[in-house]
């Protein structure tokens, strides 16, 4: 989980999706971004799925402690 310096605009955004392992999402009430290392079926209506990790999510179970993540926009 990471707190953003300023909240994202959520105008015209549909929330409430179920998160899955490898999703990164924005939690609107707190203004933070979370990366899910396992499926989470009890998502709230304030959770907005932003994207999906394409590679490396199979290693999530082995992560322990603090680490750095770099998120880049994929262009096709």
Protein backbone atom coordinates (compact mmCIF):
# COMPACT_ATOMS: atom_id res chain seq x y z
CA UNK A 1 0.00 0.00 0.00
CA UNK A 2 1.25 3.49 -0.79
CA UNK A 3 -0.22 6.87 0.13
CA UNK A 4 -0.33 9.27 -2.83
CA UNK A 5 0.70 12.91 -2.50
CA UNK A 6 -2.73 13.98 -3.74
CA UNK A 7 -5.97 12.10 -4.33
CA UNK A 8 -6.88 10.98 -7.85
CA UNK A 9 -10.04 12.23 -9.52
CA UNK A 10 -12.69 9.52 -9.49
CA UNK A 11 -15.25 11.35 -11.61
CA UNK A 12 -16.96 8.98 -14.08
CA UNK A 13 -15.23 5.93 -12.59
CA UNK A 14 -17.04 2.72 -11.70
CA UNK A 15 -15.85 1.08 -8.48
CA UNK A 16 -16.68 -2.07 -6.57
CA UNK A 17 -14.77 -4.70 -8.53
CA UNK A 18 -13.44 -7.85 -6.86
CA UNK A 19 -9.67 -7.67 -6.59
CA UNK A 20 -7.48 -10.54 -7.72
CA UNK A 21 -3.84 -11.45 -7.14
CA UNK A 22 -1.71 -9.05 -9.17
CA UNK A 23 -4.25 -6.20 -9.32
CA UNK A 24 -3.27 -2.72 -8.36
CA UNK A 25 -6.10 -0.54 -7.17
CA UNK A 26 -6.98 2.87 -5.81
CA UNK A 27 -8.87 3.10 -2.51
CA UNK A 28 -10.74 6.39 -2.89
CA UNK A 29 -11.54 7.25 0.78
CA UNK A 30 -7.90 7.11 1.87
CA UNK A 31 -6.29 8.18 -1.42
CA UNK A 32 -3.87 5.27 -1.57
CA UNK A 33 -2.80 2.62 -4.05
CA UNK A 34 -2.62 -1.06 -3.11
CA UNK A 35 -1.17 -4.07 -4.88
CA UNK A 36 -2.94 -7.33 -4.09
CA UNK A 37 -0.66 -10.29 -3.44
CA UNK A 38 -3.66 -12.64 -3.20
CA UNK A 39 -7.32 -12.64 -4.21
CA UNK A 40 -9.53 -10.49 -1.96
CA UNK A 41 -13.25 -11.24 -2.19
CA UNK A 42 -14.47 -8.68 0.36
CA UNK A 43 -13.72 -5.57 -1.71
CA UNK A 44 -15.60 -2.39 -0.91
CA UNK A 45 -17.43 -0.15 -3.37
CA UNK A 46 -14.65 2.41 -2.93
CA UNK A 47 -11.97 0.20 -4.53
CA UNK A 48 -11.12 1.08 -8.14
CA UNK A 49 -9.02 -1.47 -10.06
CA UNK A 50 -6.40 0.45 -12.05
CA UNK A 51 -4.58 -2.40 -13.72
CA UNK A 52 -3.01 -5.84 -13.53
CA UNK A 53 0.62 -6.82 -13.01
CA UNK A 54 1.75 -8.66 -16.13
CA UNK A 55 4.80 -10.51 -14.80
CA UNK A 56 6.30 -11.45 -11.45
CA UNK A 57 3.09 -11.90 -9.46
CA UNK A 58 3.96 -15.56 -8.95
CA UNK A 59 6.68 -14.35 -6.55
CA UNK A 60 4.34 -12.42 -4.22
CA UNK A 61 4.15 -15.18 -1.63
CA UNK A 62 7.93 -14.90 -1.14
CA UNK A 63 7.97 -11.14 -0.43
CA UNK A 64 8.73 -10.20 3.16
CA UNK A 65 9.24 -6.74 4.64
CA UNK A 66 9.55 -3.43 2.82
CA UNK A 67 10.26 -3.32 -0.91
CA UNK A 68 10.08 -0.90 -3.82
CA UNK A 69 7.73 -1.25 -6.79
CA UNK A 70 7.90 0.63 -10.08
CA UNK A 71 4.67 1.02 -12.07
CA UNK A 72 4.82 1.99 -15.73
CA UNK A 73 2.08 2.55 -18.26
CA UNK A 74 2.12 -0.12 -20.95
CA UNK A 75 1.64 1.23 -24.47
CA UNK A 76 0.65 -0.97 -27.34
